[in-house]
Amino acid sequence: MIYLVAIVLPPLALLLYGRVLQAVVNLVMWAASALIFILTLGVLGGLSAALWLVCVVHAILVVNRVQNDRRNRALIDAIERSGR
C-alpha cells in the first residue's frame, strides 16, 4: 500500500516514514513538475514526466530502504536476544 502512495503522492510516503527533509526536497521537485506541466499547458510534458518519475523513484527507494533497515534491526535484535 505504501508503494501506491509513493507513486501517487511521493512526498506523503516519505513523511509517513519519517523522512521530513527528504519529503521537503521531494515536494519541491514534485511541485516543480506540476507547475511546469500547468504553465506550459503540457508542451513540456516530457520534462514534467521525467521530473515526476524522479520523485517517484526517489520515494520508492527511500521507503524500500527504511523497510529493509527495520527488518535488519529486527533480525539483529533477535540474534542478540538468542545469544544470551
Protein backbone atom coordinates (compact mmCIF):
# COMPACT_ATOMS: atom_id res chain seq x y z
CA MET A 1 0.00 0.00 0.00
CA ILE A 2 2.83 2.42 0.80
CA TYR A 3 4.24 1.89 -2.69
CA LEU A 4 0.94 3.06 -4.18
CA VAL A 5 1.17 6.19 -2.03
CA ALA A 6 4.77 6.62 -3.21
CA ILE A 7 3.58 6.56 -6.82
CA VAL A 8 0.62 8.92 -6.38
CA LEU A 9 1.96 11.29 -3.69
CA PRO A 10 5.70 10.73 -3.23
CA PRO A 11 6.22 13.42 -0.54
CA LEU A 12 3.44 11.94 1.60
CA ALA A 13 5.03 8.50 1.51
CA LEU A 14 8.29 9.99 2.74
CA LEU A 15 6.52 11.86 5.52
CA LEU A 16 4.75 8.70 6.62
CA TYR A 17 8.14 7.05 7.06
CA GLY A 18 9.55 9.98 9.00
CA ARG A 19 11.92 11.35 6.37
CA VAL A 20 10.99 15.03 6.69
CA LEU A 21 13.95 16.64 4.92
CA GLN A 22 13.76 14.21 2.03
CA ALA A 23 10.00 14.82 1.86
CA VAL A 24 10.55 18.58 1.58
CA VAL A 25 13.08 18.14 -1.23
CA ASN A 26 10.76 15.69 -2.96
CA LEU A 27 7.83 18.09 -2.53
CA VAL A 28 9.78 20.90 -4.19
CA MET A 29 10.62 18.67 -7.18
CA TRP A 30 7.07 17.30 -7.33
CA ALA A 31 5.56 20.81 -7.24
CA ALA A 32 8.02 21.97 -9.91
CA SER A 33 6.90 19.08 -12.08
CA ALA A 34 3.24 20.03 -11.70
CA LEU A 35 3.99 23.71 -12.22
CA ILE A 36 5.95 23.04 -15.41
CA PHE A 37 3.11 20.93 -16.75
CA ILE A 38 0.44 23.52 -15.89
CA LEU A 39 2.32 26.64 -17.02
CA THR A 40 3.40 25.19 -20.35
CA LEU A 41 -0.03 23.63 -20.99
CA GLY A 42 1.58 20.26 -21.46
CA VAL A 43 4.11 21.39 -24.09
CA LEU A 44 6.97 20.37 -21.83
CA GLY A 45 5.16 17.23 -20.75
CA GLY A 46 8.29 15.13 -21.21
CA LEU A 47 10.28 17.27 -18.79
CA SER A 48 7.41 17.26 -16.33
CA ALA A 49 7.02 13.49 -16.57
CA ALA A 50 10.75 12.94 -16.12
CA LEU A 51 10.83 15.11 -13.01
CA TRP A 52 7.75 13.35 -11.62
CA LEU A 53 9.38 9.98 -12.32
CA VAL A 54 12.50 11.06 -10.41
CA CYS A 55 10.27 11.93 -7.43
CA VAL A 56 8.50 8.56 -7.57
CA VAL A 57 11.73 6.56 -7.87
CA HIS A 58 13.28 8.51 -5.00
CA ALA A 59 10.26 7.86 -2.76
CA ILE A 60 10.16 4.14 -3.61
CA LEU A 61 13.89 3.73 -2.95
CA VAL A 62 13.67 5.51 0.41
CA VAL A 63 10.61 3.52 1.51
CA ASN A 64 12.31 0.27 0.48
CA ARG A 65 15.49 1.22 2.37
CA VAL A 66 13.56 2.08 5.54
CA GLN A 67 11.70 -1.23 5.40
CA ASN A 68 14.97 -3.11 4.91
CA ASP A 69 16.58 -1.24 7.81
CA ARG A 70 13.66 -2.15 10.08
CA ARG A 71 13.82 -5.80 9.02
CA ASN A 72 17.58 -5.93 9.58
CA ARG A 73 17.24 -4.27 13.00
CA ALA A 74 14.62 -6.87 13.98
CA LEU A 75 16.95 -9.69 12.87
CA ILE A 76 19.90 -8.23 14.75
CA ASP A 77 17.80 -7.85 17.89
CA ALA A 78 16.56 -11.44 17.60
CA ILE A 79 20.12 -12.73 17.21
CA GLU A 80 21.31 -10.73 20.20
CA ARG A 81 18.43 -11.99 22.36
CA SER A 82 19.04 -15.60 21.40
CA GLY A 83 22.74 -15.38 22.23
CA ARG A 84 22.13 -14.51 25.88
